[in-house]
Amino acid sequence: MLKVRFKTPGPGYRPVKWPPPGPYWRSGYDFGGKVVVIAYAEYLYQIYEYWPDAQELDVLEVGTEIAFSDRFPRPDWWK
């Protein structure tokens, strides 16, 4: 899996298709009001497929397992 950080125009940040390839979270906002999203995906193209307005992509981890934490908890919908 890839762990990717990207920005999307606010206020919405949910994917346009369901279910997404991996869990995702709103991490915060940038100074311009864009939503910062952290998402897992198998392939980078899936970020644009599920979030077509994604901007400023930054691949944080490659070949990683999905990891949950207090800040990024397991979503109820995730298997």
N, C-alpha and C. Protein backbone atom coordinates (compact mmCIF):
# COMPACT_ATOMS: atom_id res chain seq x y z
N MET A 1 0.84 -1.19 0.00
CA MET A 1 0.00 0.00 0.00
C MET A 1 0.88 1.25 0.00
N LEU A 2 0.29 2.32 -0.51
CA LEU A 2 0.91 3.64 -0.43
C LEU A 2 0.17 4.44 0.63
N LYS A 3 0.89 5.20 1.38
CA LYS A 3 0.29 6.17 2.29
C LYS A 3 0.55 7.53 1.69
N VAL A 4 -0.52 8.26 1.37
CA VAL A 4 -0.41 9.50 0.60
C VAL A 4 -1.07 10.65 1.35
N ARG A 5 -0.40 11.80 1.31
CA ARG A 5 -0.99 13.03 1.83
C ARG A 5 -1.29 13.91 0.63
N PHE A 6 -2.46 14.53 0.63
CA PHE A 6 -2.81 15.45 -0.44
C PHE A 6 -3.78 16.48 0.09
N LYS A 7 -4.01 17.49 -0.74
CA LYS A 7 -4.95 18.55 -0.39
C LYS A 7 -6.11 18.53 -1.37
N THR A 8 -7.26 18.94 -0.87
CA THR A 8 -8.45 19.04 -1.71
C THR A 8 -9.22 20.28 -1.28
N PRO A 9 -9.84 20.97 -2.23
CA PRO A 9 -10.60 22.16 -1.85
C PRO A 9 -11.68 21.80 -0.83
N GLY A 10 -11.78 22.58 0.22
CA GLY A 10 -12.76 22.30 1.26
C GLY A 10 -14.15 22.74 0.87
N PRO A 11 -15.12 22.44 1.69
CA PRO A 11 -14.95 21.78 2.98
C PRO A 11 -15.00 20.25 2.88
N GLY A 12 -15.52 19.71 1.76
CA GLY A 12 -15.64 18.26 1.64
C GLY A 12 -14.32 17.58 1.34
N TYR A 13 -14.18 16.37 1.81
CA TYR A 13 -12.95 15.61 1.55
C TYR A 13 -13.25 14.14 1.32
N ARG A 14 -14.52 13.77 1.25
CA ARG A 14 -14.87 12.36 1.04
C ARG A 14 -14.64 11.96 -0.41
N PRO A 15 -14.36 10.69 -0.66
CA PRO A 15 -14.13 10.23 -2.04
C PRO A 15 -15.42 10.30 -2.86
N VAL A 16 -15.27 10.40 -4.18
CA VAL A 16 -16.44 10.48 -5.06
C VAL A 16 -17.00 9.10 -5.38
N LYS A 17 -16.25 8.04 -5.10
CA LYS A 17 -16.69 6.65 -5.28
C LYS A 17 -16.56 5.93 -3.95
N TRP A 18 -17.37 4.88 -3.77
CA TRP A 18 -17.32 4.13 -2.51
C TRP A 18 -17.34 2.66 -2.79
N PRO A 19 -16.59 1.89 -2.07
CA PRO A 19 -15.65 2.28 -1.02
C PRO A 19 -14.30 2.65 -1.62
N PRO A 20 -13.53 3.47 -0.94
CA PRO A 20 -12.19 3.80 -1.41
C PRO A 20 -11.26 2.60 -1.23
N PRO A 21 -10.09 2.63 -1.85
CA PRO A 21 -9.18 1.49 -1.78
C PRO A 21 -8.55 1.27 -0.40
N GLY A 22 -8.63 2.26 0.44
CA GLY A 22 -8.07 2.15 1.78
C GLY A 22 -8.68 3.21 2.68
N PRO A 23 -8.38 3.15 3.95
CA PRO A 23 -8.91 4.16 4.86
C PRO A 23 -8.33 5.54 4.56
N TYR A 24 -9.04 6.55 4.99
CA TYR A 24 -8.60 7.94 4.79
C TYR A 24 -9.07 8.78 5.98
N TRP A 25 -8.40 9.90 6.19
CA TRP A 25 -8.73 10.80 7.30
C TRP A 25 -8.48 12.24 6.89
N ARG A 26 -9.24 13.14 7.46
CA ARG A 26 -8.92 14.57 7.35
C ARG A 26 -7.86 14.83 8.41
N SER A 27 -6.71 15.32 7.98
CA SER A 27 -5.61 15.58 8.90
C SER A 27 -5.64 17.01 9.42
N GLY A 28 -6.22 17.91 8.64
CA GLY A 28 -6.27 19.31 9.04
C GLY A 28 -6.55 20.19 7.84
N TYR A 29 -6.13 21.45 7.96
CA TYR A 29 -6.34 22.44 6.90
C TYR A 29 -5.03 23.18 6.66
N ASP A 30 -4.81 23.61 5.41
CA ASP A 30 -3.65 24.46 5.16
C ASP A 30 -4.07 25.92 5.37
N PHE A 31 -3.14 26.84 5.18
CA PHE A 31 -3.43 28.25 5.44
C PHE A 31 -4.42 28.83 4.45
N GLY A 32 -4.58 28.20 3.29
CA GLY A 32 -5.53 28.67 2.29
C GLY A 32 -6.91 28.07 2.43
N GLY A 33 -7.11 27.21 3.43
CA GLY A 33 -8.41 26.60 3.66
C GLY A 33 -8.63 25.27 2.98
N LYS A 34 -7.61 24.75 2.29
CA LYS A 34 -7.74 23.41 1.68
C LYS A 34 -7.67 22.35 2.77
N VAL A 35 -8.38 21.26 2.55
CA VAL A 35 -8.37 20.15 3.49
C VAL A 35 -7.15 19.27 3.21
N VAL A 36 -6.42 18.91 4.24
CA VAL A 36 -5.29 17.98 4.12
C VAL A 36 -5.81 16.59 4.45
N VAL A 37 -5.62 15.66 3.51
CA VAL A 37 -6.15 14.30 3.64
C VAL A 37 -4.99 13.31 3.67
N ILE A 38 -5.09 12.31 4.51
CA ILE A 38 -4.17 11.17 4.52
C ILE A 38 -4.98 9.97 4.05
N ALA A 39 -4.48 9.26 3.04
CA ALA A 39 -5.23 8.12 2.50
C ALA A 39 -4.27 7.00 2.11
N TYR A 40 -4.76 5.78 2.21
CA TYR A 40 -4.03 4.62 1.73
C TYR A 40 -4.61 4.20 0.39
N ALA A 41 -3.75 3.75 -0.53
CA ALA A 41 -4.19 3.26 -1.84
C ALA A 41 -3.16 2.26 -2.34
N GLU A 42 -3.60 1.34 -3.18
CA GLU A 42 -2.67 0.39 -3.80
C GLU A 42 -1.80 1.09 -4.84
N TYR A 43 -2.41 2.00 -5.60
CA TYR A 43 -1.73 2.68 -6.70
C TYR A 43 -2.02 4.17 -6.62
N LEU A 44 -1.08 4.98 -7.06
CA LEU A 44 -1.25 6.42 -7.00
C LEU A 44 -2.43 6.91 -7.82
N TYR A 45 -2.68 6.28 -8.97
CA TYR A 45 -3.80 6.73 -9.82
C TYR A 45 -5.13 6.63 -9.07
N GLN A 46 -5.23 5.75 -8.07
CA GLN A 46 -6.47 5.61 -7.32
C GLN A 46 -6.81 6.87 -6.52
N ILE A 47 -5.80 7.60 -6.11
CA ILE A 47 -6.07 8.86 -5.41
C ILE A 47 -6.87 9.78 -6.32
N TYR A 48 -6.43 9.93 -7.57
CA TYR A 48 -7.15 10.79 -8.52
C TYR A 48 -8.49 10.19 -8.93
N GLU A 49 -8.59 8.88 -8.93
CA GLU A 49 -9.85 8.22 -9.29
C GLU A 49 -10.92 8.48 -8.22
N TYR A 50 -10.52 8.45 -6.97
CA TYR A 50 -11.47 8.61 -5.87
C TYR A 50 -11.57 10.06 -5.37
N TRP A 51 -10.53 10.84 -5.58
CA TRP A 51 -10.51 12.26 -5.22
C TRP A 51 -10.00 13.04 -6.44
N PRO A 52 -10.83 13.25 -7.46
CA PRO A 52 -10.36 13.88 -8.69
C PRO A 52 -9.83 15.30 -8.50
N ASP A 53 -10.20 15.96 -7.42
CA ASP A 53 -9.69 17.31 -7.18
C ASP A 53 -8.46 17.32 -6.26
N ALA A 54 -7.83 16.16 -6.05
CA ALA A 54 -6.64 16.07 -5.21
C ALA A 54 -5.51 16.92 -5.79
N GLN A 55 -4.81 17.61 -4.92
CA GLN A 55 -3.70 18.48 -5.31
C GLN A 55 -2.52 18.24 -4.37
N GLU A 56 -1.34 18.57 -4.86
CA GLU A 56 -0.12 18.54 -4.03
C GLU A 56 0.07 17.19 -3.35
N LEU A 57 0.05 16.12 -4.14
CA LEU A 57 0.24 14.77 -3.59
C LEU A 57 1.66 14.59 -3.07
N ASP A 58 1.76 13.92 -1.95
CA ASP A 58 3.04 13.60 -1.34
C ASP A 58 2.95 12.15 -0.84
N VAL A 59 3.72 11.26 -1.45
CA VAL A 59 3.73 9.86 -1.02
C VAL A 59 4.59 9.77 0.24
N LEU A 60 3.95 9.43 1.34
CA LEU A 60 4.64 9.37 2.63
C LEU A 60 5.33 8.03 2.85
N GLU A 61 4.69 6.94 2.41
CA GLU A 61 5.25 5.59 2.60
C GLU A 61 4.90 4.73 1.40
N VAL A 62 5.82 3.85 1.03
CA VAL A 62 5.63 2.91 -0.09
C VAL A 62 5.78 1.50 0.45
N GLY A 63 4.90 0.60 0.01
CA GLY A 63 4.99 -0.80 0.44
C GLY A 63 4.71 -0.99 1.91
N THR A 64 3.83 -0.20 2.44
CA THR A 64 3.55 -0.23 3.87
C THR A 64 2.24 -0.95 4.18
N GLU A 65 2.14 -1.43 5.37
CA GLU A 65 0.88 -1.99 5.86
C GLU A 65 0.05 -0.84 6.41
N ILE A 66 -1.25 -1.00 6.39
CA ILE A 66 -2.12 0.01 6.98
C ILE A 66 -1.92 -0.01 8.49
N ALA A 67 -1.67 1.16 9.05
CA ALA A 67 -1.44 1.28 10.49
C ALA A 67 -2.45 2.26 11.08
N PHE A 68 -3.05 1.87 12.18
CA PHE A 68 -4.01 2.73 12.86
C PHE A 68 -3.39 3.24 14.15
N SER A 69 -3.85 4.39 14.60
CA SER A 69 -3.33 5.00 15.82
C SER A 69 -4.44 5.83 16.46
N ASP A 70 -4.11 6.49 17.55
CA ASP A 70 -5.09 7.38 18.18
C ASP A 70 -5.48 8.51 17.24
N ARG A 71 -4.51 9.02 16.51
CA ARG A 71 -4.80 10.12 15.57
C ARG A 71 -5.50 9.63 14.31
N PHE A 72 -5.17 8.44 13.86
CA PHE A 72 -5.77 7.86 12.65
C PHE A 72 -6.40 6.51 13.01
N PRO A 73 -7.57 6.53 13.67
CA PRO A 73 -8.19 5.28 14.12
C PRO A 73 -8.81 4.49 12.97
N ARG A 74 -9.05 3.22 13.22
CA ARG A 74 -9.70 2.36 12.22
C ARG A 74 -11.12 2.87 11.99
N PRO A 75 -11.46 3.22 10.74
CA PRO A 75 -12.83 3.65 10.45
C PRO A 75 -13.82 2.50 10.65
N ASP A 76 -15.02 2.81 11.06
CA ASP A 76 -16.04 1.78 11.28
C ASP A 76 -16.32 0.98 10.02
N TRP A 77 -16.24 1.62 8.85
CA TRP A 77 -16.57 0.95 7.59
C TRP A 77 -15.44 0.05 7.09
N TRP A 78 -14.23 0.21 7.63
CA TRP A 78 -13.08 -0.57 7.14
C TRP A 78 -13.16 -1.98 7.69
N LYS A 79 -12.91 -2.96 6.84
CA LYS A 79 -13.01 -4.37 7.21
C LYS A 79 -12.13 -4.78 8.36
